[in-house]
Every structure is written in structure tokens, then in C-alpha cells.
Amino acid sequence: MPFFFVLLTMTSCYKTKPTELEVSVQDVFGNVVNNASVKVCGEPTNSDNGNPLQANYVQETNTNGIALFTLNEIYQPGQNGVAILKVEVNKNEKIGITTIDIVQERRNRLEIVIE
């Protein structure tokens, strides 16, 4: 019985690490692009059961050309995988679009070149 109590205490103390997406934006010359609009949404937009995915974020890049998104609300502990997200970047009519498969409890990094 004491072993079960120790095991239960150890598993209930587990803290999840943040699930994040860091998007780095550059132009075709390799220069960082600040103040670019970065939109992140679920891909496809509906889940297998027909419900819309709860991933819809918009943020501008900072002076280093980076936008950081915290995705903890779409990842639940024990879930297998998080989501496949579509990332669209837009600035002055230049765009970049790609998808990324998000890994839970990790800072997922993505570089996008806008053209």
C-alpha cells in the first residue's frame, strides 16, 4: 500500500512544460522582418469529429522577426500529438505559407521566408 501512495504522489506532481510555436520571419535576402502579421490556425480547420479546432491566433513579429505563440490551451496532458497548424505570414503584400506538426511540451520552431 505505501508504494501505491508514493506512485500516486509522484504522478500527480508532474507539471507539463509549455507547448509553444516560435515563428521566425525573414525576407529573401535573409533579413529579419519585424511587424509582419503571423496568423496560425488549425489545418484542416475541422477535427475528425467535425468540431472546429480551437487554434486561431494572430500576432506581429518583434524587432528580431519572431512571433511566439503559447499553445497550452489546445494541448491536454495525455493527448497523443497536438495539432497540425497552418502558418501564414504577411507584410507589404509579401507572403509566406506553410504547415507544422506541433510536438507537445516543446518550443516548436519554424522559419518562414516571405516573397
N, C-alpha and C. Protein backbone atom coordinates (compact mmCIF):
# COMPACT_ATOMS: atom_id res chain seq x y z
N MET A 1 0.81 -1.20 0.00
CA MET A 1 0.00 0.00 0.00
C MET A 1 0.86 1.27 0.00
N PRO A 2 1.98 1.36 0.77
CA PRO A 2 2.80 2.58 0.73
C PRO A 2 3.37 2.85 -0.66
N PHE A 3 3.70 1.82 -1.42
CA PHE A 3 4.22 2.00 -2.78
C PHE A 3 3.20 2.70 -3.67
N PHE A 4 1.93 2.28 -3.56
CA PHE A 4 0.86 2.90 -4.35
C PHE A 4 0.73 4.38 -4.01
N PHE A 5 0.82 4.73 -2.74
CA PHE A 5 0.72 6.13 -2.32
C PHE A 5 1.87 6.96 -2.90
N VAL A 6 3.10 6.41 -2.86
CA VAL A 6 4.26 7.11 -3.41
C VAL A 6 4.09 7.28 -4.91
N LEU A 7 3.64 6.25 -5.60
CA LEU A 7 3.42 6.31 -7.05
C LEU A 7 2.35 7.35 -7.39
N LEU A 8 1.25 7.36 -6.64
CA LEU A 8 0.19 8.33 -6.87
C LEU A 8 0.68 9.75 -6.63
N THR A 9 1.47 9.96 -5.60
CA THR A 9 2.02 11.28 -5.29
C THR A 9 2.96 11.74 -6.38
N MET A 10 3.81 10.83 -6.88
CA MET A 10 4.77 11.20 -7.92
C MET A 10 4.07 11.56 -9.22
N THR A 11 3.04 10.83 -9.61
CA THR A 11 2.38 11.11 -10.87
C THR A 11 1.53 12.36 -10.80
N SER A 12 0.98 12.67 -9.64
CA SER A 12 0.15 13.86 -9.53
C SER A 12 0.99 15.13 -9.46
N CYS A 13 2.28 15.04 -9.22
CA CYS A 13 3.15 16.20 -9.14
C CYS A 13 3.76 16.57 -10.50
N TYR A 14 3.50 15.77 -11.51
CA TYR A 14 4.07 16.05 -12.83
C TYR A 14 3.51 17.35 -13.38
N LYS A 15 4.39 18.25 -13.75
CA LYS A 15 3.98 19.51 -14.35
C LYS A 15 4.31 19.48 -15.83
N THR A 16 3.34 19.86 -16.63
CA THR A 16 3.59 19.88 -18.06
C THR A 16 4.45 21.09 -18.41
N LYS A 17 5.27 20.92 -19.43
CA LYS A 17 6.07 22.01 -19.94
C LYS A 17 5.24 22.76 -20.98
N PRO A 18 5.55 24.03 -21.23
CA PRO A 18 4.76 24.77 -22.22
C PRO A 18 4.89 24.18 -23.63
N THR A 19 3.80 24.22 -24.35
CA THR A 19 3.79 23.87 -25.77
C THR A 19 3.74 25.19 -26.52
N GLU A 20 4.80 25.49 -27.28
CA GLU A 20 4.92 26.79 -27.92
C GLU A 20 5.29 26.65 -29.40
N LEU A 21 5.01 27.71 -30.13
CA LEU A 21 5.42 27.80 -31.52
C LEU A 21 6.15 29.12 -31.70
N GLU A 22 7.41 29.05 -32.13
CA GLU A 22 8.21 30.24 -32.41
C GLU A 22 8.37 30.34 -33.92
N VAL A 23 7.85 31.43 -34.48
CA VAL A 23 7.92 31.66 -35.92
C VAL A 23 8.93 32.76 -36.18
N SER A 24 9.96 32.45 -36.95
CA SER A 24 10.99 33.40 -37.33
C SER A 24 10.77 33.77 -38.80
N VAL A 25 10.67 35.08 -39.07
CA VAL A 25 10.34 35.54 -40.42
C VAL A 25 11.53 36.30 -41.01
N GLN A 26 11.88 35.93 -42.25
CA GLN A 26 12.96 36.58 -42.98
C GLN A 26 12.48 36.91 -44.39
N ASP A 27 13.18 37.87 -45.02
CA ASP A 27 12.91 38.13 -46.43
C ASP A 27 13.84 37.26 -47.27
N VAL A 28 13.76 37.36 -48.59
CA VAL A 28 14.55 36.51 -49.47
C VAL A 28 16.05 36.77 -49.36
N PHE A 29 16.45 37.89 -48.77
CA PHE A 29 17.86 38.22 -48.59
C PHE A 29 18.39 37.78 -47.22
N GLY A 30 17.53 37.17 -46.40
CA GLY A 30 17.94 36.69 -45.08
C GLY A 30 17.80 37.73 -43.98
N ASN A 31 17.21 38.88 -44.28
CA ASN A 31 16.99 39.91 -43.27
C ASN A 31 15.76 39.58 -42.44
N VAL A 32 15.82 39.83 -41.12
CA VAL A 32 14.65 39.61 -40.29
C VAL A 32 13.57 40.62 -40.66
N VAL A 33 12.33 40.21 -40.52
CA VAL A 33 11.19 41.07 -40.88
C VAL A 33 10.39 41.33 -39.60
N ASN A 34 10.44 42.59 -39.13
CA ASN A 34 9.65 42.93 -37.95
C ASN A 34 8.30 43.47 -38.38
N ASN A 35 7.36 43.45 -37.45
CA ASN A 35 5.98 43.92 -37.67
C ASN A 35 5.25 43.19 -38.79
N ALA A 36 5.63 41.97 -39.07
CA ALA A 36 4.89 41.15 -40.04
C ALA A 36 3.74 40.48 -39.30
N SER A 37 2.60 40.34 -39.95
CA SER A 37 1.44 39.68 -39.36
C SER A 37 1.59 38.17 -39.52
N VAL A 38 1.52 37.45 -38.41
CA VAL A 38 1.64 35.99 -38.42
C VAL A 38 0.30 35.43 -37.94
N LYS A 39 -0.34 34.64 -38.79
CA LYS A 39 -1.62 34.01 -38.46
C LYS A 39 -1.41 32.51 -38.35
N VAL A 40 -1.90 31.92 -37.27
CA VAL A 40 -1.78 30.49 -37.03
C VAL A 40 -3.18 29.92 -36.84
N CYS A 41 -3.51 28.87 -37.59
CA CYS A 41 -4.82 28.24 -37.44
C CYS A 41 -4.69 26.74 -37.70
N GLY A 42 -5.71 26.00 -37.26
CA GLY A 42 -5.71 24.54 -37.43
C GLY A 42 -5.77 24.15 -38.89
N GLU A 43 -5.13 23.03 -39.22
CA GLU A 43 -5.11 22.52 -40.60
C GLU A 43 -5.37 21.02 -40.55
N PRO A 44 -6.45 20.48 -41.02
CA PRO A 44 -7.59 21.22 -41.58
C PRO A 44 -8.33 21.95 -40.46
N THR A 45 -9.24 22.80 -40.82
CA THR A 45 -9.90 23.63 -39.82
C THR A 45 -10.88 22.86 -38.95
N ASN A 46 -11.29 21.66 -39.37
CA ASN A 46 -12.18 20.82 -38.55
C ASN A 46 -11.45 19.58 -38.09
N SER A 47 -11.80 19.08 -36.91
CA SER A 47 -11.22 17.84 -36.42
C SER A 47 -11.99 16.66 -37.02
N ASP A 48 -11.57 15.44 -36.70
CA ASP A 48 -12.21 14.25 -37.23
C ASP A 48 -13.69 14.15 -36.87
N ASN A 49 -14.06 14.69 -35.71
CA ASN A 49 -15.46 14.61 -35.29
C ASN A 49 -16.30 15.77 -35.80
N GLY A 50 -15.74 16.63 -36.66
CA GLY A 50 -16.49 17.72 -37.26
C GLY A 50 -16.47 19.01 -36.47
N ASN A 51 -15.89 19.00 -35.27
CA ASN A 51 -15.80 20.22 -34.47
C ASN A 51 -14.62 21.06 -34.92
N PRO A 52 -14.78 22.38 -34.95
CA PRO A 52 -13.65 23.22 -35.35
C PRO A 52 -12.51 23.15 -34.32
N LEU A 53 -11.27 23.18 -34.82
CA LEU A 53 -10.12 23.19 -33.93
C LEU A 53 -10.03 24.56 -33.25
N GLN A 54 -9.60 24.57 -32.02
CA GLN A 54 -9.54 25.81 -31.24
C GLN A 54 -8.19 26.48 -31.39
N ALA A 55 -7.67 26.52 -32.59
CA ALA A 55 -6.39 27.17 -32.85
C ALA A 55 -6.60 28.29 -33.85
N ASN A 56 -6.57 29.50 -33.37
CA ASN A 56 -6.73 30.66 -34.24
C ASN A 56 -6.04 31.84 -33.55
N TYR A 57 -4.83 32.14 -34.00
CA TYR A 57 -4.01 33.16 -33.36
C TYR A 57 -3.47 34.13 -34.41
N VAL A 58 -3.30 35.39 -34.02
CA VAL A 58 -2.67 36.39 -34.88
C VAL A 58 -1.75 37.22 -34.00
N GLN A 59 -0.55 37.47 -34.51
CA GLN A 59 0.43 38.24 -33.75
C GLN A 59 1.41 38.87 -34.74
N GLU A 60 2.03 39.98 -34.35
CA GLU A 60 3.06 40.59 -35.18
C GLU A 60 4.44 40.15 -34.68
N THR A 61 5.39 40.08 -35.61
CA THR A 61 6.76 39.74 -35.23
C THR A 61 7.39 40.91 -34.48
N ASN A 62 8.31 40.59 -33.60
CA ASN A 62 9.02 41.62 -32.83
C ASN A 62 10.20 42.16 -33.65
N THR A 63 11.06 42.96 -33.02
CA THR A 63 12.18 43.57 -33.74
C THR A 63 13.19 42.53 -34.23
N ASN A 64 13.15 41.32 -33.67
CA ASN A 64 14.03 40.24 -34.12
C ASN A 64 13.37 39.36 -35.18
N GLY A 65 12.16 39.76 -35.62
CA GLY A 65 11.45 38.98 -36.64
C GLY A 65 10.81 37.72 -36.10
N ILE A 66 10.51 37.70 -34.80
CA ILE A 66 9.97 36.49 -34.17
C ILE A 66 8.60 36.75 -33.57
N ALA A 67 7.70 35.80 -33.77
CA ALA A 67 6.39 35.78 -33.11
C ALA A 67 6.34 34.48 -32.30
N LEU A 68 5.97 34.59 -31.02
CA LEU A 68 5.93 33.42 -30.14
C LEU A 68 4.49 33.19 -29.69
N PHE A 69 4.01 31.96 -29.92
CA PHE A 69 2.65 31.59 -29.56
C PHE A 69 2.70 30.50 -28.50
N THR A 70 1.91 30.65 -27.44
CA THR A 70 1.77 29.62 -26.42
C THR A 70 0.51 28.83 -26.75
N LEU A 71 0.66 27.52 -26.89
CA LEU A 71 -0.43 26.67 -27.37
C LEU A 71 -0.96 25.73 -26.29
N ASN A 72 -0.76 26.09 -25.03
CA ASN A 72 -1.17 25.19 -23.94
C ASN A 72 -2.66 24.88 -23.96
N GLU A 73 -3.49 25.81 -24.42
CA GLU A 73 -4.94 25.56 -24.39
C GLU A 73 -5.41 24.56 -25.44
N ILE A 74 -4.59 24.26 -26.44
CA ILE A 74 -5.01 23.24 -27.40
C ILE A 74 -4.33 21.90 -27.14
N TYR A 75 -3.39 21.84 -26.18
CA TYR A 75 -2.77 20.57 -25.79
C TYR A 75 -3.25 20.19 -24.41
N GLN A 76 -3.73 18.99 -24.27
CA GLN A 76 -4.15 18.46 -22.98
C GLN A 76 -3.20 17.33 -22.60
N PRO A 77 -2.70 17.30 -21.34
CA PRO A 77 -1.80 16.22 -20.93
C PRO A 77 -2.41 14.85 -21.22
N GLY A 78 -1.59 13.95 -21.74
CA GLY A 78 -2.04 12.62 -22.10
C GLY A 78 -2.51 12.51 -23.54
N GLN A 79 -2.69 13.64 -24.18
CA GLN A 79 -3.13 13.67 -25.57
C GLN A 79 -1.99 13.19 -26.46
N ASN A 80 -2.31 12.45 -27.51
CA ASN A 80 -1.30 11.96 -28.44
C ASN A 80 -1.15 12.97 -29.57
N GLY A 81 -0.09 13.77 -29.54
CA GLY A 81 0.10 14.83 -30.52
C GLY A 81 -0.72 16.05 -30.15
N VAL A 82 -0.49 17.15 -30.83
CA VAL A 82 -1.21 18.38 -30.52
C VAL A 82 -2.06 18.77 -31.71
N ALA A 83 -1.43 19.21 -32.78
CA ALA A 83 -2.19 19.66 -33.95
C ALA A 83 -1.24 19.89 -35.12
N ILE A 84 -1.81 19.92 -36.29
CA ILE A 84 -1.10 20.39 -37.47
C ILE A 84 -1.63 21.79 -37.70
N LEU A 85 -0.73 22.76 -37.72
CA LEU A 85 -1.13 24.15 -37.84
C LEU A 85 -0.65 24.76 -39.15
N LYS A 86 -1.48 25.60 -39.72
CA LYS A 86 -1.14 26.36 -40.91
C LYS A 86 -0.65 27.72 -40.44
N VAL A 87 0.49 28.16 -40.96
CA VAL A 87 1.08 29.43 -40.57
C VAL A 87 1.17 30.31 -41.82
N GLU A 88 0.56 31.49 -41.73
CA GLU A 88 0.58 32.45 -42.83
C GLU A 88 1.24 33.73 -42.34
N VAL A 89 2.21 34.23 -43.10
CA VAL A 89 2.89 35.47 -42.76
C VAL A 89 2.64 36.47 -43.89
N ASN A 90 2.39 37.71 -43.50
CA ASN A 90 2.04 38.74 -44.46
C ASN A 90 2.66 40.06 -44.06
N LYS A 91 3.33 40.72 -45.01
CA LYS A 91 3.81 42.09 -44.79
C LYS A 91 4.03 42.75 -46.14
N ASN A 92 3.40 43.90 -46.32
CA ASN A 92 3.55 44.69 -47.55
C ASN A 92 3.35 43.84 -48.81
N GLU A 93 2.28 43.06 -48.81
CA GLU A 93 1.91 42.21 -49.94
C GLU A 93 2.89 41.08 -50.22
N LYS A 94 3.83 40.84 -49.34
CA LYS A 94 4.71 39.68 -49.43
C LYS A 94 4.18 38.65 -48.45
N ILE A 95 4.14 37.38 -48.89
CA ILE A 95 3.55 36.35 -48.05
C ILE A 95 4.44 35.11 -47.97
N GLY A 96 4.20 34.33 -46.96
CA GLY A 96 4.80 33.02 -46.80
C GLY A 96 3.78 32.14 -46.09
N ILE A 97 3.59 30.91 -46.57
CA ILE A 97 2.61 29.99 -46.00
C ILE A 97 3.24 28.62 -45.88
N THR A 98 3.03 27.97 -44.74
CA THR A 98 3.49 26.60 -44.54
C THR A 98 2.67 25.95 -43.44
N THR A 99 2.90 24.67 -43.20
CA THR A 99 2.26 23.96 -42.09
C THR A 99 3.34 23.37 -41.19
N ILE A 100 2.94 23.11 -39.95
CA ILE A 100 3.85 22.49 -38.99
C ILE A 100 3.07 21.54 -38.10
N ASP A 101 3.66 20.40 -37.81
CA ASP A 101 3.10 19.42 -36.89
C ASP A 101 3.65 19.74 -35.50
N ILE A 102 2.82 20.19 -34.60
CA ILE A 102 3.25 20.64 -33.28
C ILE A 102 3.50 19.45 -32.37
N VAL A 103 4.65 19.46 -31.70
CA VAL A 103 5.02 18.44 -30.72
C VAL A 103 4.74 19.02 -29.33
N GLN A 104 4.07 18.24 -28.50
CA GLN A 104 3.68 18.71 -27.17
C GLN A 104 4.86 18.96 -26.26
N GLU A 105 4.67 19.92 -25.35
CA GLU A 105 5.62 20.27 -24.30
C GLU A 105 7.00 20.61 -24.85
N ARG A 106 7.03 21.37 -25.92
CA ARG A 106 8.28 21.74 -26.57
C ARG A 106 8.11 23.10 -27.24
N ARG A 107 9.21 23.82 -27.41
CA ARG A 107 9.18 25.03 -28.23
C ARG A 107 9.44 24.60 -29.67
N ASN A 108 8.38 24.54 -30.45
CA ASN A 108 8.46 24.19 -31.86
C ASN A 108 8.93 25.42 -32.62
N ARG A 109 9.93 25.28 -33.48
CA ARG A 109 10.49 26.41 -34.20
C ARG A 109 10.24 26.26 -35.70
N LEU A 110 9.93 27.40 -36.31
CA LEU A 110 9.63 27.42 -37.73
C LEU A 110 10.20 28.70 -38.33
N GLU A 111 10.91 28.55 -39.45
CA GLU A 111 11.41 29.72 -40.18
C GLU A 111 10.63 29.85 -41.46
N ILE A 112 10.16 31.07 -41.74
CA ILE A 112 9.40 31.33 -42.95
C ILE A 112 10.07 32.49 -43.70
N VAL A 113 10.23 32.29 -45.00
CA VAL A 113 10.75 33.35 -45.88
C VAL A 113 9.56 33.90 -46.63
N ILE A 114 9.39 35.24 -46.56
CA ILE A 114 8.30 35.86 -47.31
C ILE A 114 8.84 36.38 -48.65
N GLU A 115 8.01 36.22 -49.66
CA GLU A 115 8.40 36.65 -51.01
C GLU A 115 7.32 37.53 -51.61
